[in-house]
Protein backbone atom coordinates (compact mmCIF):
# COMPACT_ATOMS: atom_id res chain seq x y z
CA ARG A 1 87.77 103.98 94.08
CA GLU A 2 88.74 100.33 93.92
CA ARG A 3 85.04 99.01 94.23
CA SER A 4 83.54 101.45 91.65
CA ALA A 5 83.19 98.90 89.07
CA GLU A 6 81.82 96.60 91.38
CA LEU A 7 79.35 99.33 92.69
CA GLY A 8 78.31 100.44 89.12
CA VAL A 9 77.33 97.12 88.12
CA LEU A 10 75.07 97.18 91.32
CA ARG A 11 73.70 100.34 90.80
CA ALA A 12 73.09 99.38 86.84
CA LEU A 13 71.13 96.46 88.49
CA GLY A 14 69.13 98.94 89.96
CA ALA A 15 70.52 99.04 93.50
CA PRO A 16 69.33 102.19 94.98
CA ARG A 17 72.30 104.80 96.61
CA ARG A 18 70.87 104.26 99.73
CA GLN A 19 70.89 100.70 99.94
CA LEU A 20 74.73 100.66 98.40
CA ALA A 21 75.42 103.09 100.99
CA ARG A 22 73.98 100.68 104.25
CA MET A 23 75.69 98.07 102.39
CA ILE A 24 78.97 99.57 102.58
CA ALA A 25 78.37 100.76 105.80
CA ALA A 26 77.66 97.47 107.18
CA GLU A 27 80.57 95.97 105.70
CA GLN A 28 82.97 98.56 107.53
CA GLY A 29 80.66 98.00 110.87
CA VAL A 30 81.85 94.36 110.86
CA LEU A 31 85.26 94.97 109.83
CA ILE A 32 85.73 97.77 112.74
CA ALA A 33 83.99 95.19 115.11
CA LEU A 34 86.29 92.82 114.13
CA ALA A 35 89.13 94.80 114.31
CA LEU A 36 88.17 96.04 118.10
CA LEU A 37 87.53 92.29 119.12
CA ILE A 38 91.23 91.53 118.06
CA GLY A 39 92.95 94.80 119.56
CA LEU A 40 91.09 93.92 122.97
CA GLY A 41 92.23 90.48 122.85
CA ILE A 42 95.76 91.50 121.77
CA GLY A 43 95.86 94.50 124.38
CA THR A 44 94.58 92.26 127.40
CA VAL A 45 97.18 89.38 126.58
CA LEU A 46 99.74 92.07 126.49
CA THR A 47 98.72 94.00 129.44
CA ARG A 48 98.70 90.56 131.56
CA ALA A 49 102.27 89.76 130.27
CA VAL A 50 103.99 93.18 131.03
CA VAL A 51 101.91 94.49 134.02
CA PRO A 52 103.35 92.21 136.53
CA LEU A 53 106.80 93.24 135.14
CA ILE A 54 106.20 96.61 136.51
CA VAL A 55 107.03 97.18 140.11
CA LEU A 56 106.52 100.39 141.84
CA THR A 57 106.82 101.74 145.15
CA GLY A 58 104.33 103.34 147.31
CA GLN A 59 106.35 106.78 145.78
CA ALA A 60 105.65 105.48 142.31
CA ASP A 61 109.18 105.02 141.55
CA ARG A 62 111.20 101.80 140.82
CA PRO A 63 112.51 99.93 143.52
CA VAL A 64 116.64 100.13 143.21
CA PRO A 65 118.49 97.71 145.25
CA PRO A 66 120.69 99.35 147.80
CA VAL A 67 124.44 98.92 146.55
CA LEU A 68 126.52 96.52 148.08
CA VAL A 69 130.42 97.20 148.22
CA GLU A 70 132.21 93.91 149.01
CA LEU A 71 136.09 94.50 149.80
CA PRO A 72 137.88 90.87 150.59
CA ALA A 73 140.21 91.71 153.43
CA GLY A 74 142.78 89.78 151.88
CA GLN A 75 143.16 91.94 148.71
CA VAL A 76 142.73 95.02 150.65
CA ALA A 77 145.68 94.00 152.60
CA ALA A 78 147.74 93.16 149.61
CA LEU A 79 147.05 96.52 148.15
CA LEU A 80 148.02 98.39 150.86
């Protein structure tokens, strides 16, 4: 709708409908290709940044460090 004036002028100048359709399709194709390249680049960068942070074990779960309980002998003796 926004380009209807532009397309109307081109149509008035004698551009066939098929040529206008090809022109719009070519413009959209360029935009889609550009968006795909940018998206691919951003996705690659983010993947390389995030994947090393994801560590899974052989069972496909996150490794959890064992619980370490420290009981200082002096404090335990003072409580008893």
